[in-house]
C-alpha atoms as a PDB file:
ATOM      1  CA  MET A   1      40.951 -45.697 -35.609  1.00  0.00           C
ATOM      2  CA  VAL A   2      41.129 -47.672 -38.808  1.00  0.00           C
ATOM      3  CA  GLY A   3      37.848 -48.718 -40.402  1.00  0.00           C
ATOM      4  CA  LEU A   4      36.527 -50.849 -43.197  1.00  0.00           C
ATOM      5  CA  LEU A   5      35.341 -49.126 -46.346  1.00  0.00           C
ATOM      6  CA  TYR A   6      31.665 -48.224 -46.038  1.00  0.00           C
ATOM      7  CA  ALA A   7      29.650 -46.767 -48.896  1.00  0.00           C
ATOM      8  CA  LEU A   8      27.967 -43.708 -47.412  1.00  0.00           C
ATOM      9  CA  PRO A   9      24.665 -42.500 -48.882  1.00  0.00           C
ATOM     10  CA  THR A  10      24.746 -39.889 -51.655  1.00  0.00           C
ATOM     11  CA  THR A  11      28.422 -40.449 -52.456  1.00  0.00           C
ATOM     12  CA  GLN A  12      30.006 -41.261 -55.786  1.00  0.00           C
ATOM     13  CA  LEU A  13      31.060 -44.656 -54.378  1.00  0.00           C
ATOM     14  CA  THR A  14      27.466 -45.487 -53.458  1.00  0.00           C
ATOM     15  CA  ARG A  15      26.219 -44.455 -56.899  1.00  0.00           C
ATOM     16  CA  ARG A  16      28.885 -46.575 -58.618  1.00  0.00           C
ATOM     17  CA  LEU A  17      28.231 -49.652 -56.445  1.00  0.00           C
ATOM     18  CA  LEU A  18      24.513 -49.229 -56.987  1.00  0.00           C
ATOM     19  CA  ALA A  19      24.985 -49.048 -60.758  1.00  0.00           C
ATOM     20  CA  GLU A  20      27.131 -52.205 -60.591  1.00  0.00           C
ATOM     21  CA  GLY A  21      24.515 -54.007 -58.460  1.00  0.00           C
ATOM     22  CA  ARG A  22      27.045 -54.502 -55.635  1.00  0.00           C
ATOM     23  CA  LEU A  23      25.476 -52.327 -52.913  1.00  0.00           C
ATOM     24  CA  PHE A  24      23.662 -54.299 -50.217  1.00  0.00           C
ATOM     25  CA  SER A  25      20.084 -53.401 -49.373  1.00  0.00           C
ATOM     26  CA  GLY A  26      19.260 -51.363 -46.268  1.00  0.00           C
ATOM     27  CA  SER A  27      19.516 -53.994 -43.552  1.00  0.00           C
ATOM     28  CA  GLU A  28      20.323 -52.794 -40.019  1.00  0.00           C
ATOM     29  CA  GLN A  29      23.915 -54.075 -40.258  1.00  0.00           C
ATOM     30  CA  THR A  30      24.668 -52.510 -43.624  1.00  0.00           C
ATOM     31  CA  GLN A  31      23.112 -49.138 -42.718  1.00  0.00           C
ATOM     32  CA  SER A  32      24.560 -48.773 -39.213  1.00  0.00           C
ATOM     33  CA  GLY A  33      27.508 -46.612 -40.274  1.00  0.00           C
ATOM     34  CA  ASP A  34      29.811 -48.702 -38.056  1.00  0.00           C
ATOM     35  CA  GLN A  35      32.955 -48.799 -40.167  1.00  0.00           C
ATOM     36  CA  CYS A  36      34.895 -50.871 -37.631  1.00  0.00           C
ATOM     37  CA  THR A  37      32.760 -54.015 -37.594  1.00  0.00           C
ATOM     38  CA  ALA A  38      29.873 -53.525 -40.002  1.00  0.00           C
ATOM     39  CA  GLY A  39      31.716 -51.893 -42.881  1.00  0.00           C
ATOM     40  CA  LEU A  40      31.761 -53.461 -46.323  1.00  0.00           C
ATOM     41  CA  ASN A  41      28.096 -52.788 -47.029  1.00  0.00           C
ATOM     42  CA  PHE A  42      28.745 -53.923 -50.588  1.00  0.00           C
ATOM     43  CA  GLU A  43      30.009 -56.952 -52.469  1.00  0.00           C
ATOM     44  CA  THR A  44      33.799 -56.694 -52.590  1.00  0.00           C
ATOM     45  CA  LYS A  45      35.812 -57.642 -55.673  1.00  0.00           C
ATOM     46  CA  ARG A  46      38.408 -59.368 -53.486  1.00  0.00           C
ATOM     47  CA  LEU A  47      37.234 -62.230 -51.293  1.00  0.00           C
ATOM     48  CA  ARG A  48      35.474 -60.753 -48.271  1.00  0.00           C
ATOM     49  CA  ARG A  49      37.448 -63.081 -46.001  1.00  0.00           C
ATOM     50  CA  ASP A  50      40.761 -61.736 -47.369  1.00  0.00           C
ATOM     51  CA  VAL A  51      39.685 -58.122 -46.878  1.00  0.00           C
ATOM     52  CA  LEU A  52      38.631 -58.866 -43.276  1.00  0.00           C
ATOM     53  CA  ASP A  53      41.847 -60.777 -42.568  1.00  0.00           C
ATOM     54  CA  ASP A  54      43.955 -57.877 -43.877  1.00  0.00           C
ATOM     55  CA  TYR A  55      41.922 -55.459 -41.746  1.00  0.00           C
ATOM     56  CA  ARG A  56      42.401 -57.481 -38.553  1.00  0.00           C
ATOM     57  CA  ARG A  57      46.161 -57.711 -39.215  1.00  0.00           C
ATOM     58  CA  VAL A  58      46.392 -53.927 -39.677  1.00  0.00           C
ATOM     59  CA  LEU A  59      44.491 -53.327 -36.431  1.00  0.00           C
ATOM     60  CA  GLY A  60      46.673 -55.810 -34.571  1.00  0.00           C
ATOM     61  CA  ALA A  61      49.835 -54.195 -35.896  1.00  0.00           C
ATOM     62  CA  ILE A  62      49.071 -50.514 -35.326  1.00  0.00           C
ATOM     63  CA  TYR A  63      47.483 -50.931 -31.875  1.00  0.00           C
ATOM     64  CA  ASN A  64      50.119 -53.312 -30.586  1.00  0.00           C
ATOM     65  CA  PRO A  65      51.579 -51.462 -27.560  1.00  0.00           C
ATOM     66  CA  VAL A  66      55.122 -51.598 -28.985  1.00  0.00           C
ATOM     67  CA  ALA A  67      54.002 -49.971 -32.238  1.00  0.00           C
ATOM     68  CA  TYR A  68      51.600 -47.459 -30.670  1.00  0.00           C
ATOM     69  CA  PHE A  69      53.959 -46.198 -27.970  1.00  0.00           C
ATOM     70  CA  GLY A  70      56.845 -46.272 -30.454  1.00  0.00           C
ATOM     71  CA  ARG A  71      54.908 -43.729 -32.539  1.00  0.00           C
ATOM     72  CA  VAL A  72      54.172 -41.670 -29.408  1.00  0.00           C
ATOM     73  CA  ARG A  73      57.881 -41.785 -28.483  1.00  0.00           C
ATOM     74  CA  ARG A  74      58.840 -40.499 -31.948  1.00  0.00           C
ATOM     75  CA  LEU A  75      56.187 -37.782 -31.649  1.00  0.00           C
ATOM     76  CA  GLY A  76      57.674 -36.721 -28.317  1.00  0.00           C
ATOM     77  CA  ARG A  77      61.103 -36.368 -29.875  1.00  0.00           C
ATOM     78  CA  MET A  78      59.818 -34.365 -32.867  1.00  0.00           C
ATOM     79  CA  LEU A  79      57.610 -31.853 -31.035  1.00  0.00           C
ATOM     80  CA  LYS A  80      59.176 -28.432 -30.813  1.00  0.00           C
ATOM     81  CA  ARG A  81      57.855 -26.457 -27.850  1.00  0.00           C
ATOM     82  CA  GLU A  82      59.048 -22.903 -27.146  1.00  0.00           C
ATOM     83  CA  ARG A  83      57.947 -22.993 -23.548  1.00  0.00           C
ATOM     84  CA  ALA A  84      56.835 -25.546 -21.019  1.00  0.00           C
ATOM     85  CA  HIS A  85      53.171 -26.428 -20.581  1.00  0.00           C
ATOM     86  CA  LYS A  86      51.557 -24.566 -17.690  1.00  0.00           C
ATOM     87  CA  MET A  87      50.116 -27.154 -15.339  1.00  0.00           C
ATOM     88  CA  ILE A  88      46.536 -26.770 -14.194  1.00  0.00           C
ATOM     89  CA  ARG A  89      44.876 -28.510 -11.269  1.00  0.00           C
ATOM     90  CA  GLY A  90      43.155 -31.174 -13.382  1.00  0.00           C
ATOM     91  CA  ASP A  91      46.380 -32.158 -15.190  1.00  0.00           C
ATOM     92  CA  LEU A  92      47.895 -33.896 -12.180  1.00  0.00           C
ATOM     93  CA  ARG A  93      44.624 -35.652 -11.345  1.00  0.00           C
ATOM     94  CA  SER A  94      44.258 -36.851 -14.961  1.00  0.00           C
ATOM     95  CA  PHE A  95      47.865 -38.038 -15.000  1.00  0.00           C
ATOM     96  CA  GLY A  96      47.239 -39.997 -11.796  1.00  0.00           C
ATOM     97  CA  ARG A  97      44.176 -41.680 -13.335  1.00  0.00           C
ATOM     98  CA  LEU A  98      46.212 -42.541 -16.430  1.00  0.00           C
ATOM     99  CA  LEU A  99      48.936 -44.122 -14.283  1.00  0.00           C
ATOM    100  CA  MET A 100      46.348 -46.222 -12.441  1.00  0.00           C
ATOM    101  CA  ARG A 101      44.575 -47.361 -15.611  1.00  0.00           C
ATOM    102  CA  ILE A 102      47.527 -47.920 -17.959  1.00  0.00           C
ATOM    103  CA  HIS A 103      48.446 -51.139 -16.132  1.00  0.00           C
ATOM    104  CA  ARG A 104      45.029 -52.608 -16.977  1.00  0.00           C
ATOM    105  CA  ALA A 105      45.031 -51.544 -20.644  1.00  0.00           C
ATOM    106  CA  GLY A 106      46.348 -54.875 -21.921  1.00  0.00           C
ATOM    107  CA  PRO A 107      49.458 -57.009 -21.971  1.00  0.00           C
ATOM    108  CA  GLY A 108      52.700 -55.112 -22.518  1.00  0.00           C
ATOM    109  CA  THR A 109      51.046 -51.691 -22.401  1.00  0.00           C
ATOM    110  CA  ALA A 110      52.485 -50.463 -19.091  1.00  0.00           C
ATOM    111  CA  LYS A 111      56.046 -51.412 -20.049  1.00  0.00           C
ATOM    112  CA  GLN A 112      55.814 -49.545 -23.361  1.00  0.00           C
ATOM    113  CA  PHE A 113      54.160 -46.532 -21.703  1.00  0.00           C
ATOM    114  CA  TRP A 114      56.936 -46.201 -19.104  1.00  0.00           C
ATOM    115  CA  ARG A 115      59.617 -46.660 -21.755  1.00  0.00           C
ATOM    116  CA  MET A 116      58.050 -43.879 -23.849  1.00  0.00           C
ATOM    117  CA  LEU A 117      57.603 -41.606 -20.825  1.00  0.00           C
ATOM    118  CA  LEU A 118      61.234 -41.992 -19.752  1.00  0.00           C
ATOM    119  CA  ASP A 119      62.413 -41.326 -23.305  1.00  0.00           C
ATOM    120  CA  CYS A 120      60.379 -38.107 -23.398  1.00  0.00           C
ATOM    121  CA  ILE A 121      61.692 -36.959 -20.008  1.00  0.00           C
ATOM    122  CA  VAL A 122      65.263 -37.482 -21.186  1.00  0.00           C
ATOM    123  CA  HIS A 123      65.008 -36.160 -24.773  1.00  0.00           C
ATOM    124  CA  ASN A 124      62.226 -33.557 -24.796  1.00  0.00           C
ATOM    125  CA  PRO A 125      60.564 -32.882 -21.416  1.00  0.00           C
ATOM    126  CA  LYS A 126      58.566 -29.954 -22.823  1.00  0.00           C
ATOM    127  CA  ALA A 127      56.616 -32.462 -24.939  1.00  0.00           C
ATOM    128  CA  LEU A 128      55.586 -34.487 -21.878  1.00  0.00           C
ATOM    129  CA  PRO A 129      52.015 -33.143 -21.543  1.00  0.00           C
ATOM    130  CA  TYR A 130      51.354 -33.887 -25.200  1.00  0.00           C
ATOM    131  CA  VAL A 131      52.667 -37.445 -25.202  1.00  0.00           C
ATOM    132  CA  VAL A 132      50.687 -38.099 -22.021  1.00  0.00           C
ATOM    133  CA  MET A 133      47.517 -36.915 -23.786  1.00  0.00           C
ATOM    134  CA  VAL A 134      48.176 -39.171 -26.784  1.00  0.00           C
ATOM    135  CA  SER A 135      49.001 -42.038 -24.416  1.00  0.00           C
ATOM    136  CA  ALA A 136      45.659 -41.580 -22.685  1.00  0.00           C
ATOM    137  CA  LEU A 137      43.929 -42.237 -26.025  1.00  0.00           C
ATOM    138  CA  TYR A 138      45.327 -45.763 -25.891  1.00  0.00           C
ATOM    139  CA  LEU A 139      43.119 -46.483 -22.875  1.00  0.00           C
ATOM    140  CA  HIS A 140      40.248 -46.507 -25.360  1.00  0.00           C
ATOM    141  CA  LEU A 141      41.928 -47.440 -28.644  1.00  0.00           C
ATOM    142  CA  GLY A 142      43.886 -50.468 -27.398  1.00  0.00           C
ATOM    143  CA  PRO A 143      40.974 -52.351 -25.811  1.00  0.00           C
ATOM    144  CA  PHE A 144      38.579 -51.232 -28.553  1.00  0.00           C
ATOM    145  CA  SER A 145      40.883 -52.541 -31.290  1.00  0.00           C
ATOM    146  CA  ARG A 146      41.071 -55.914 -29.520  1.00  0.00           C
ATOM    147  CA  GLN A 147      37.256 -56.017 -29.315  1.00  0.00           C
ATOM    148  CA  VAL A 148      36.980 -55.234 -33.031  1.00  0.00           C
ATOM    149  CA  ILE A 149      39.542 -57.945 -33.835  1.00  0.00           C
ATOM    150  CA  ARG A 150      37.443 -60.484 -31.869  1.00  0.00           C
ATOM    151  CA  GLU A 151      34.343 -59.484 -33.834  1.00  0.00           C
ATOM    152  CA  ILE A 152      36.193 -59.673 -37.157  1.00  0.00           C
ATOM    153  CA  ASP A 153      37.604 -63.088 -36.154  1.00  0.00           C
ATOM    154  CA  GLN A 154      34.012 -64.232 -35.557  1.00  0.00           C
ATOM    155  CA  GLU A 155      32.939 -62.950 -38.962  1.00  0.00           C
ATOM    156  CA  ILE A 156      35.883 -64.736 -40.590  1.00  0.00           C
ATOM    157  CA  ASP A 157      34.908 -67.937 -38.739  1.00  0.00           C
ATOM    158  CA  ASN A 158      31.344 -67.541 -40.032  1.00  0.00           C
ATOM    159  CA  ILE A 159      32.655 -67.180 -43.586  1.00  0.00           C
ATOM    160  CA  ASP A 160      34.921 -70.232 -43.160  1.00  0.00           C
ATOM    161  CA  GLN A 161      31.994 -72.297 -41.853  1.00  0.00           C
ATOM    162  CA  GLY A 162      29.698 -71.153 -44.643  1.00  0.00           C
ATOM    163  CA  LEU A 163      27.423 -69.277 -42.234  1.00  0.00           C
ATOM    164  CA  TRP A 164      27.849 -65.840 -43.825  1.00  0.00           C
ATOM    165  CA  HIS A 165      25.758 -65.009 -46.871  1.00  0.00           C
ATOM    166  CA  ALA A 166      25.777 -61.698 -48.656  1.00  0.00           C
ATOM    167  CA  PRO A 167      22.683 -59.595 -48.000  1.00  0.00           C
ATOM    168  CA  VAL A 168      20.432 -58.909 -50.961  1.00  0.00           C
ATOM    169  CA  SER A 169      21.918 -56.291 -53.261  1.00  0.00           C
ATOM    170  CA  VAL A 170      19.971 -53.221 -54.257  1.00  0.00           C
ATOM    171  CA  ILE A 171      18.883 -53.467 -57.876  1.00  0.00           C
ATOM    172  CA  PRO A 172      19.284 -50.112 -59.681  1.00  0.00           C
ATOM    173  CA  SER A 173      15.915 -50.462 -61.431  1.00  0.00           C
ATOM    174  CA  GLN A 174      14.173 -50.817 -58.038  1.00  0.00           C
ATOM    175  CA  VAL A 175      15.708 -47.563 -56.846  1.00  0.00           C
ATOM    176  CA  ALA A 176      14.672 -45.757 -60.046  1.00  0.00           C
ATOM    177  CA  ALA A 177      11.101 -47.076 -59.785  1.00  0.00           C
ATOM    178  CA  ALA A 178      10.848 -46.141 -56.100  1.00  0.00           C
ATOM    179  CA  SER A 179      12.031 -42.579 -56.721  1.00  0.00           C
ATOM    180  CA  ALA A 180       9.649 -42.055 -59.691  1.00  0.00           C
END
């Protein structure tokens, strides 16, 4: 998953942003550690709206079913397996659940999944268990990326409407006085 930059405590980035007066104070949003929707716990040098717009475009591009399953298809062709995967009882059951759920994972997902699966069967059948595992990750990543994009769109709308205001920044002298 791709995330927004988040200044973690006790890092060089946090110390630098603190020294520059750009680190936001410890509000719940800025201290959540959620790098997907609550990242940017500091004042950015670029316009915040531009950073968020770039982020949403990256998410939309890499988790688009054509792009995602294209990468899985290339992975399936590149994997070199000496021997076939030994099937265990749970493998078939998991594959069945994947087949049932992939059709509900978003528009265009099932078509790209089947295209990738057929390509793997034809070009490198020994890689099949591995591409199926990576495909199953999309059941979470695809819908989650769309949820994050909706939240980022809302934040961009708030910025455009003048409803977003930067939280109070931590002042380095306050931190020094508090630790003394």
